Amino acid sequence: MVETEPMNEEEEITYGNFPGGDPRNFTPDEESCYPEEIEAWKVACREWDEGRGVDRGPGCQFLGDGSVVTGTGFGVGTYIWK
């Protein structure tokens, strides 16, 4: 898990899919995510630290039954809005 700085009054924490932006502001829920999702998030954080980060905005996929899935491959977790 990535260490985060304490929140200040202008920050808000939400739970759900990664909304895009800096992946270091997101922490996957280890009880709900697959290991592959957590690893994809760790890679994205390393790339961001190295200056090679890509803004992975949320995607959208239509499934065969007509339902829709959104996300970035990081699973669900908490996000700190700054």
C-alpha atoms as a PDB file:
ATOM      1  CA  MET A   1       0.000   0.000   0.000  1.00  0.00           C
ATOM      2  CA  VAL A   2       1.234   3.496  -0.811  1.00  0.00           C
ATOM      3  CA  GLU A   3       1.776   5.899   2.041  1.00  0.00           C
ATOM      4  CA  THR A   4      -0.246   9.086   1.727  1.00  0.00           C
ATOM      5  CA  GLU A   5       0.145  12.390   3.482  1.00  0.00           C
ATOM      6  CA  PRO A   6      -2.510  13.424   6.017  1.00  0.00           C
ATOM      7  CA  MET A   7      -5.559  15.051   4.480  1.00  0.00           C
ATOM      8  CA  ASN A   8      -6.059  18.757   4.681  1.00  0.00           C
ATOM      9  CA  GLU A   9      -9.383  20.596   4.751  1.00  0.00           C
ATOM     10  CA  GLU A  10      -9.553  20.936   0.942  1.00  0.00           C
ATOM     11  CA  GLU A  11      -9.368  17.163   0.351  1.00  0.00           C
ATOM     12  CA  GLU A  12     -12.191  14.668   0.102  1.00  0.00           C
ATOM     13  CA  ILE A  13     -12.031  10.864   0.050  1.00  0.00           C
ATOM     14  CA  THR A  14     -14.419   8.858  -2.109  1.00  0.00           C
ATOM     15  CA  TYR A  15     -14.811   5.120  -2.744  1.00  0.00           C
ATOM     16  CA  GLY A  16     -15.296   3.600  -6.172  1.00  0.00           C
ATOM     17  CA  ASN A  17     -13.495   3.239  -9.495  1.00  0.00           C
ATOM     18  CA  PHE A  18     -10.378   5.247 -10.301  1.00  0.00           C
ATOM     19  CA  PRO A  19     -11.587   8.497 -11.919  1.00  0.00           C
ATOM     20  CA  GLY A  20      -8.357   9.301 -13.781  1.00  0.00           C
ATOM     21  CA  GLY A  21      -5.480  11.627 -13.071  1.00  0.00           C
ATOM     22  CA  ASP A  22      -2.626  10.825 -10.713  1.00  0.00           C
ATOM     23  CA  PRO A  23      -2.879   7.132  -9.705  1.00  0.00           C
ATOM     24  CA  ARG A  24      -0.999   7.907  -6.486  1.00  0.00           C
ATOM     25  CA  ASN A  25      -4.191   9.571  -5.196  1.00  0.00           C
ATOM     26  CA  PHE A  26      -5.958   6.191  -5.453  1.00  0.00           C
ATOM     27  CA  THR A  27      -5.588   3.135  -3.223  1.00  0.00           C
ATOM     28  CA  PRO A  28      -7.136  -0.170  -4.347  1.00  0.00           C
ATOM     29  CA  ASP A  29      -9.318  -2.043  -1.877  1.00  0.00           C
ATOM     30  CA  GLU A  30      -7.172  -5.116  -1.241  1.00  0.00           C
ATOM     31  CA  GLU A  31     -10.195  -7.142  -0.111  1.00  0.00           C
ATOM     32  CA  SER A  32     -12.174  -6.448  -3.312  1.00  0.00           C
ATOM     33  CA  CYS A  33      -9.533  -6.220  -6.055  1.00  0.00           C
ATOM     34  CA  TYR A  34      -7.824  -8.942  -8.028  1.00  0.00           C
ATOM     35  CA  PRO A  35      -4.026  -9.166  -7.693  1.00  0.00           C
ATOM     36  CA  GLU A  36      -3.719  -8.168 -11.377  1.00  0.00           C
ATOM     37  CA  GLU A  37      -5.647  -4.943 -10.701  1.00  0.00           C
ATOM     38  CA  ILE A  38      -3.411  -4.048  -7.772  1.00  0.00           C
ATOM     39  CA  GLU A  39      -0.300  -4.790  -9.829  1.00  0.00           C
ATOM     40  CA  ALA A  40      -1.584  -2.606 -12.708  1.00  0.00           C
ATOM     41  CA  TRP A  41      -2.077   0.228 -10.215  1.00  0.00           C
ATOM     42  CA  LYS A  42       1.443  -0.236  -8.778  1.00  0.00           C
ATOM     43  CA  VAL A  43       2.929  -0.088 -12.297  1.00  0.00           C
ATOM     44  CA  ALA A  44       0.952   3.087 -13.037  1.00  0.00           C
ATOM     45  CA  CYS A  45       2.254   4.685  -9.811  1.00  0.00           C
ATOM     46  CA  ARG A  46       5.863   3.785 -10.663  1.00  0.00           C
ATOM     47  CA  GLU A  47       5.445   5.207 -14.167  1.00  0.00           C
ATOM     48  CA  TRP A  48       3.980   8.411 -12.709  1.00  0.00           C
ATOM     49  CA  ASP A  49       6.921   8.711 -10.283  1.00  0.00           C
ATOM     50  CA  GLU A  50       9.350   8.275 -13.197  1.00  0.00           C
ATOM     51  CA  GLY A  51       7.644  11.005 -15.215  1.00  0.00           C
ATOM     52  CA  ARG A  52       6.178   8.507 -17.673  1.00  0.00           C
ATOM     53  CA  GLY A  53       2.688   8.552 -16.203  1.00  0.00           C
ATOM     54  CA  VAL A  54      -0.361   8.386 -18.404  1.00  0.00           C
ATOM     55  CA  ASP A  55      -3.696   9.843 -17.339  1.00  0.00           C
ATOM     56  CA  ARG A  56      -5.843   6.725 -17.422  1.00  0.00           C
ATOM     57  CA  GLY A  57      -9.302   8.211 -17.392  1.00  0.00           C
ATOM     58  CA  PRO A  58     -12.178   5.846 -16.757  1.00  0.00           C
ATOM     59  CA  GLY A  59     -13.138   3.635 -19.664  1.00  0.00           C
ATOM     60  CA  CYS A  60     -16.464   2.161 -20.599  1.00  0.00           C
ATOM     61  CA  GLN A  61     -17.251  -1.282 -22.024  1.00  0.00           C
ATOM     62  CA  PHE A  62     -20.561  -2.734 -23.173  1.00  0.00           C
ATOM     63  CA  LEU A  63     -21.039  -6.400 -22.311  1.00  0.00           C
ATOM     64  CA  GLY A  64     -22.985  -8.929 -24.354  1.00  0.00           C
ATOM     65  CA  ASP A  65     -26.015  -8.728 -22.067  1.00  0.00           C
ATOM     66  CA  GLY A  66     -26.270  -4.965 -22.615  1.00  0.00           C
ATOM     67  CA  SER A  67     -24.780  -3.994 -19.266  1.00  0.00           C
ATOM     68  CA  VAL A  68     -21.976  -1.461 -18.989  1.00  0.00           C
ATOM     69  CA  VAL A  69     -18.729  -1.710 -17.012  1.00  0.00           C
ATOM     70  CA  THR A  70     -16.533   1.303 -16.259  1.00  0.00           C
ATOM     71  CA  GLY A  71     -13.062   1.468 -14.802  1.00  0.00           C
ATOM     72  CA  THR A  72      -9.348   1.509 -15.543  1.00  0.00           C
ATOM     73  CA  GLY A  73      -8.236  -1.942 -14.530  1.00  0.00           C
ATOM     74  CA  PHE A  74      -7.338  -0.890 -10.977  1.00  0.00           C
ATOM     75  CA  GLY A  75     -10.506  -2.284  -9.388  1.00  0.00           C
ATOM     76  CA  VAL A  76     -12.311  -0.307  -6.707  1.00  0.00           C
ATOM     77  CA  GLY A  77     -10.783   1.669  -3.880  1.00  0.00           C
ATOM     78  CA  THR A  78     -10.434   5.052  -2.271  1.00  0.00           C
ATOM     79  CA  TYR A  79      -9.502   8.241  -4.085  1.00  0.00           C
ATOM     80  CA  ILE A  80      -8.298  11.477  -2.509  1.00  0.00           C
ATOM     81  CA  TRP A  81      -9.635  14.525  -4.344  1.00  0.00           C
ATOM     82  CA  LYS A  82      -7.244  17.428  -3.888  1.00  0.00           C
END
